N, C-alpha and C. Protein backbone atom coordinates (compact mmCIF):
# COMPACT_ATOMS: atom_id res chain seq x y z
N MET A 1 0.86 -1.18 0.00
CA MET A 1 0.00 0.00 0.00
C MET A 1 0.90 1.23 0.00
N ASN A 2 0.75 2.06 -1.02
CA ASN A 2 1.48 3.32 -1.11
C ASN A 2 0.67 4.40 -0.41
N LEU A 3 1.30 5.13 0.49
CA LEU A 3 0.63 6.16 1.27
C LEU A 3 1.30 7.49 0.99
N HIS A 4 0.54 8.45 0.41
CA HIS A 4 1.05 9.78 0.10
C HIS A 4 0.30 10.79 0.96
N ILE A 5 1.02 11.51 1.81
CA ILE A 5 0.40 12.50 2.68
C ILE A 5 0.94 13.87 2.30
N THR A 6 0.04 14.81 1.99
CA THR A 6 0.43 16.17 1.67
C THR A 6 -0.36 17.14 2.53
N GLY A 7 0.18 18.32 2.70
CA GLY A 7 -0.48 19.34 3.50
C GLY A 7 -0.61 20.64 2.73
N HIS A 8 -1.77 21.24 2.78
CA HIS A 8 -2.01 22.56 2.20
C HIS A 8 -2.15 23.55 3.33
N HIS A 9 -1.29 24.56 3.34
CA HIS A 9 -1.25 25.56 4.42
C HIS A 9 -0.99 24.89 5.77
N LEU A 10 -0.24 23.78 5.72
CA LEU A 10 0.00 22.99 6.92
C LEU A 10 1.28 22.19 6.72
N GLU A 11 2.10 22.15 7.74
CA GLU A 11 3.28 21.32 7.69
C GLU A 11 2.93 19.96 8.28
N VAL A 12 3.22 18.90 7.54
CA VAL A 12 2.92 17.55 8.01
C VAL A 12 4.06 17.13 8.95
N THR A 13 3.78 17.16 10.23
CA THR A 13 4.79 16.82 11.23
C THR A 13 4.90 15.31 11.36
N PRO A 14 5.99 14.83 11.95
CA PRO A 14 6.10 13.38 12.17
C PRO A 14 4.98 12.82 13.04
N ALA A 15 4.47 13.60 13.99
CA ALA A 15 3.37 13.14 14.84
C ALA A 15 2.10 12.94 14.02
N ILE A 16 1.81 13.88 13.12
CA ILE A 16 0.62 13.75 12.27
C ILE A 16 0.79 12.56 11.33
N ARG A 17 1.98 12.42 10.75
CA ARG A 17 2.25 11.30 9.84
C ARG A 17 2.09 9.96 10.56
N GLU A 18 2.58 9.86 11.78
CA GLU A 18 2.45 8.63 12.56
C GLU A 18 1.00 8.33 12.90
N HIS A 19 0.23 9.37 13.23
CA HIS A 19 -1.19 9.19 13.54
C HIS A 19 -1.94 8.67 12.32
N VAL A 20 -1.67 9.24 11.16
CA VAL A 20 -2.34 8.83 9.93
C VAL A 20 -1.98 7.39 9.58
N THR A 21 -0.70 7.04 9.63
CA THR A 21 -0.30 5.67 9.27
C THR A 21 -0.86 4.65 10.24
N SER A 22 -0.92 4.98 11.52
CA SER A 22 -1.48 4.03 12.48
C SER A 22 -2.97 3.84 12.26
N LYS A 23 -3.68 4.89 11.89
CA LYS A 23 -5.12 4.77 11.63
C LYS A 23 -5.40 4.01 10.34
N PHE A 24 -4.56 4.17 9.32
CA PHE A 24 -4.79 3.49 8.05
C PHE A 24 -4.43 2.02 8.10
N ASP A 25 -3.78 1.58 9.16
CA ASP A 25 -3.56 0.14 9.34
C ASP A 25 -4.88 -0.58 9.55
N LYS A 26 -5.87 0.12 10.10
CA LYS A 26 -7.20 -0.45 10.30
C LYS A 26 -7.83 -0.83 8.97
N ILE A 27 -7.69 0.04 7.97
CA ILE A 27 -8.25 -0.23 6.66
C ILE A 27 -7.50 -1.37 5.99
N LYS A 28 -6.20 -1.39 6.17
CA LYS A 28 -5.39 -2.45 5.57
C LYS A 28 -5.73 -3.81 6.17
N ARG A 29 -6.12 -3.84 7.44
CA ARG A 29 -6.52 -5.10 8.08
C ARG A 29 -7.81 -5.64 7.47
N HIS A 30 -8.74 -4.74 7.12
CA HIS A 30 -10.04 -5.18 6.61
C HIS A 30 -10.01 -5.55 5.14
N PHE A 31 -9.10 -4.94 4.37
CA PHE A 31 -9.08 -5.19 2.93
C PHE A 31 -7.65 -5.07 2.44
N ASP A 32 -7.10 -6.18 1.94
CA ASP A 32 -5.69 -6.22 1.54
C ASP A 32 -5.41 -5.63 0.17
N ASN A 33 -6.42 -5.47 -0.66
CA ASN A 33 -6.21 -5.05 -2.04
C ASN A 33 -6.17 -3.54 -2.23
N VAL A 34 -5.79 -2.79 -1.20
CA VAL A 34 -5.65 -1.35 -1.34
C VAL A 34 -4.32 -1.08 -2.02
N ILE A 35 -4.36 -0.42 -3.17
CA ILE A 35 -3.16 -0.19 -3.98
C ILE A 35 -2.48 1.12 -3.60
N ASP A 36 -3.26 2.19 -3.56
CA ASP A 36 -2.68 3.52 -3.40
C ASP A 36 -3.61 4.38 -2.55
N VAL A 37 -3.03 5.17 -1.64
CA VAL A 37 -3.80 6.08 -0.79
C VAL A 37 -3.17 7.47 -0.89
N LYS A 38 -3.98 8.47 -1.23
CA LYS A 38 -3.52 9.86 -1.28
C LYS A 38 -4.32 10.66 -0.27
N ILE A 39 -3.62 11.28 0.66
CA ILE A 39 -4.26 12.04 1.73
C ILE A 39 -3.83 13.48 1.64
N ILE A 40 -4.81 14.40 1.70
CA ILE A 40 -4.53 15.83 1.70
C ILE A 40 -5.09 16.41 2.99
N LEU A 41 -4.22 17.01 3.78
CA LEU A 41 -4.62 17.68 5.00
C LEU A 41 -4.50 19.18 4.77
N SER A 42 -5.54 19.93 5.13
CA SER A 42 -5.51 21.36 4.89
C SER A 42 -6.15 22.12 6.05
N VAL A 43 -5.81 23.41 6.10
CA VAL A 43 -6.34 24.30 7.12
C VAL A 43 -6.95 25.50 6.41
N GLU A 44 -8.20 25.82 6.76
CA GLU A 44 -8.89 27.00 6.24
C GLU A 44 -9.53 27.71 7.41
N LYS A 45 -8.93 28.79 7.83
CA LYS A 45 -9.36 29.57 8.99
C LYS A 45 -9.51 28.67 10.20
N LEU A 46 -10.71 28.42 10.68
CA LEU A 46 -10.90 27.59 11.87
C LEU A 46 -11.26 26.15 11.55
N LYS A 47 -11.25 25.80 10.26
CA LYS A 47 -11.68 24.47 9.84
C LYS A 47 -10.47 23.65 9.40
N GLN A 48 -10.28 22.49 10.03
CA GLN A 48 -9.24 21.54 9.64
C GLN A 48 -9.90 20.51 8.74
N LYS A 49 -9.31 20.24 7.59
CA LYS A 49 -9.95 19.38 6.61
C LYS A 49 -9.02 18.23 6.24
N ALA A 50 -9.58 17.04 6.12
CA ALA A 50 -8.83 15.87 5.70
C ALA A 50 -9.56 15.22 4.53
N GLU A 51 -8.83 14.97 3.44
CA GLU A 51 -9.40 14.32 2.26
C GLU A 51 -8.54 13.11 1.93
N ALA A 52 -9.18 12.07 1.42
CA ALA A 52 -8.43 10.88 1.02
C ALA A 52 -9.05 10.27 -0.21
N THR A 53 -8.18 9.78 -1.09
CA THR A 53 -8.60 9.02 -2.25
C THR A 53 -7.87 7.69 -2.19
N ILE A 54 -8.64 6.61 -2.20
CA ILE A 54 -8.07 5.26 -2.15
C ILE A 54 -8.31 4.59 -3.49
N HIS A 55 -7.25 4.04 -4.04
CA HIS A 55 -7.37 3.27 -5.28
C HIS A 55 -7.39 1.80 -4.91
N ILE A 56 -8.57 1.19 -5.08
CA ILE A 56 -8.76 -0.24 -4.83
C ILE A 56 -8.88 -0.89 -6.20
N SER A 57 -8.59 -2.16 -6.29
CA SER A 57 -8.69 -2.84 -7.57
C SER A 57 -10.10 -2.68 -8.13
N GLY A 58 -10.21 -1.93 -9.20
CA GLY A 58 -11.49 -1.74 -9.86
C GLY A 58 -12.27 -0.51 -9.45
N LYS A 59 -11.80 0.25 -8.46
CA LYS A 59 -12.61 1.37 -7.98
C LYS A 59 -11.73 2.39 -7.26
N ASP A 60 -12.13 3.66 -7.34
CA ASP A 60 -11.51 4.72 -6.55
C ASP A 60 -12.56 5.22 -5.56
N VAL A 61 -12.14 5.39 -4.31
CA VAL A 61 -13.04 5.85 -3.25
C VAL A 61 -12.51 7.19 -2.74
N PHE A 62 -13.38 8.22 -2.69
CA PHE A 62 -13.00 9.54 -2.21
C PHE A 62 -13.85 9.89 -0.99
N VAL A 63 -13.18 10.39 0.05
CA VAL A 63 -13.88 10.80 1.27
C VAL A 63 -13.23 12.08 1.78
N GLU A 64 -14.05 12.98 2.34
CA GLU A 64 -13.51 14.17 2.98
C GLU A 64 -14.26 14.44 4.27
N CYS A 65 -13.55 14.95 5.26
CA CYS A 65 -14.12 15.30 6.55
C CYS A 65 -13.48 16.59 7.04
N ASP A 66 -14.22 17.35 7.82
CA ASP A 66 -13.63 18.53 8.43
C ASP A 66 -14.12 18.67 9.86
N ASP A 67 -13.27 19.29 10.67
CA ASP A 67 -13.57 19.48 12.09
C ASP A 67 -12.68 20.61 12.59
N GLU A 68 -12.88 21.02 13.82
CA GLU A 68 -12.02 22.04 14.42
C GLU A 68 -10.65 21.46 14.78
N ASN A 69 -10.60 20.16 15.05
CA ASN A 69 -9.37 19.48 15.42
C ASN A 69 -8.95 18.55 14.27
N LEU A 70 -7.70 18.63 13.85
CA LEU A 70 -7.23 17.83 12.72
C LEU A 70 -7.23 16.34 13.04
N TYR A 71 -6.88 15.98 14.26
CA TYR A 71 -6.86 14.57 14.63
C TYR A 71 -8.26 13.96 14.62
N VAL A 72 -9.26 14.72 15.02
CA VAL A 72 -10.65 14.25 14.97
C VAL A 72 -11.09 14.10 13.52
N ALA A 73 -10.69 15.03 12.67
CA ALA A 73 -11.03 14.95 11.24
C ALA A 73 -10.41 13.70 10.62
N ILE A 74 -9.17 13.38 10.99
CA ILE A 74 -8.51 12.18 10.48
C ILE A 74 -9.24 10.93 10.96
N ASP A 75 -9.63 10.91 12.22
CA ASP A 75 -10.36 9.76 12.77
C ASP A 75 -11.69 9.55 12.05
N MET A 76 -12.43 10.64 11.81
CA MET A 76 -13.70 10.54 11.10
C MET A 76 -13.48 10.08 9.67
N LEU A 77 -12.41 10.56 9.05
CA LEU A 77 -12.08 10.16 7.69
C LEU A 77 -11.82 8.66 7.60
N VAL A 78 -11.05 8.14 8.53
CA VAL A 78 -10.74 6.71 8.53
C VAL A 78 -11.99 5.88 8.77
N ASP A 79 -12.88 6.34 9.64
CA ASP A 79 -14.13 5.62 9.88
C ASP A 79 -15.00 5.56 8.61
N LYS A 80 -15.11 6.69 7.92
CA LYS A 80 -15.90 6.71 6.67
C LYS A 80 -15.27 5.81 5.62
N LEU A 81 -13.95 5.89 5.48
CA LEU A 81 -13.27 5.04 4.50
C LEU A 81 -13.42 3.57 4.83
N ASP A 82 -13.34 3.25 6.11
CA ASP A 82 -13.48 1.86 6.54
C ASP A 82 -14.85 1.31 6.17
N ARG A 83 -15.89 2.11 6.39
CA ARG A 83 -17.24 1.67 6.03
C ARG A 83 -17.37 1.44 4.53
N GLN A 84 -16.80 2.35 3.73
CA GLN A 84 -16.91 2.20 2.28
C GLN A 84 -16.09 1.02 1.77
N VAL A 85 -14.92 0.78 2.36
CA VAL A 85 -14.08 -0.34 1.93
C VAL A 85 -14.75 -1.66 2.28
N ILE A 86 -15.35 -1.75 3.46
CA ILE A 86 -16.06 -2.97 3.86
C ILE A 86 -17.25 -3.21 2.94
N LYS A 87 -17.97 -2.13 2.58
CA LYS A 87 -19.10 -2.25 1.66
C LYS A 87 -18.64 -2.76 0.30
N HIS A 88 -17.52 -2.24 -0.18
CA HIS A 88 -16.96 -2.69 -1.47
C HIS A 88 -16.53 -4.15 -1.39
N LYS A 89 -15.94 -4.54 -0.28
CA LYS A 89 -15.50 -5.92 -0.09
C LYS A 89 -16.69 -6.88 -0.07
N GLU A 90 -17.77 -6.48 0.59
CA GLU A 90 -18.97 -7.31 0.64
C GLU A 90 -19.59 -7.45 -0.75
N LYS A 91 -19.57 -6.39 -1.55
CA LYS A 91 -20.10 -6.47 -2.90
C LYS A 91 -19.28 -7.44 -3.75
N LEU A 92 -17.96 -7.40 -3.58
CA LEU A 92 -17.10 -8.31 -4.34
C LEU A 92 -17.34 -9.76 -3.95
N SER A 93 -17.50 -10.01 -2.66
CA SER A 93 -17.70 -11.39 -2.21
C SER A 93 -19.11 -11.89 -2.51
N ALA A 94 -20.06 -10.98 -2.73
CA ALA A 94 -21.44 -11.40 -3.01
C ALA A 94 -21.60 -11.89 -4.44
N ARG A 95 -20.68 -11.55 -5.30
CA ARG A 95 -20.76 -12.01 -6.69
C ARG A 95 -20.47 -13.50 -6.74
N ARG A 96 -21.29 -14.20 -7.48
CA ARG A 96 -21.09 -15.65 -7.60
C ARG A 96 -20.78 -15.98 -9.04
N HIS A 97 -19.82 -16.86 -9.23
CA HIS A 97 -19.47 -17.30 -10.57
C HIS A 97 -19.63 -18.81 -10.64
N ASP A 98 -20.16 -19.29 -11.73
CA ASP A 98 -20.22 -20.74 -11.91
C ASP A 98 -18.90 -21.21 -12.52
N GLU A 99 -18.80 -22.50 -12.78
CA GLU A 99 -17.53 -23.05 -13.24
C GLU A 99 -17.13 -22.61 -14.65
N THR A 100 -18.07 -22.05 -15.45
CA THR A 100 -17.72 -21.57 -16.78
C THR A 100 -17.10 -20.18 -16.74
N GLY A 101 -17.17 -19.52 -15.60
CA GLY A 101 -16.61 -18.17 -15.47
C GLY A 101 -17.59 -17.07 -15.74
N LYS A 102 -18.81 -17.43 -16.13
CA LYS A 102 -19.83 -16.42 -16.40
C LYS A 102 -20.48 -16.01 -15.09
N PHE A 103 -21.02 -14.84 -15.08
CA PHE A 103 -21.68 -14.32 -13.89
C PHE A 103 -22.99 -15.06 -13.67
N ALA A 104 -23.13 -15.68 -12.51
CA ALA A 104 -24.34 -16.44 -12.21
C ALA A 104 -25.34 -15.56 -11.48
N VAL A 105 -26.61 -15.71 -11.80
CA VAL A 105 -27.67 -14.94 -11.19
C VAL A 105 -28.68 -15.90 -10.58
N ASP A 106 -29.01 -15.65 -9.32
CA ASP A 106 -30.02 -16.47 -8.66
C ASP A 106 -31.39 -15.87 -8.93
N VAL A 107 -32.33 -16.69 -9.40
CA VAL A 107 -33.69 -16.24 -9.66
C VAL A 107 -34.59 -16.97 -8.66
N ASP A 108 -35.30 -16.21 -7.88
CA ASP A 108 -36.21 -16.80 -6.88
C ASP A 108 -37.63 -16.72 -7.33
């Protein structure tokens, strides 16, 4: 998993980088096929904003969160991403293929 962290109007300190990497381990535990993660942290007056784009096999997921505290914004961002990654994983596992490789559909 490639992790790119950038800051707009903000210096990405080692403490912030460590917090982000430790939180993104949660997503990596739930879904191994995460290829690339791009995180943008920014400050606009009193609003701290965190954005992330995750490239998963077959799909790109974008999430953004803002709060007064940057660490809270990062935590909310990871929670939203985790929900979307789990939803994507469930959709992938719900697909059924028969032995010919064609997409099988259950008709009730």
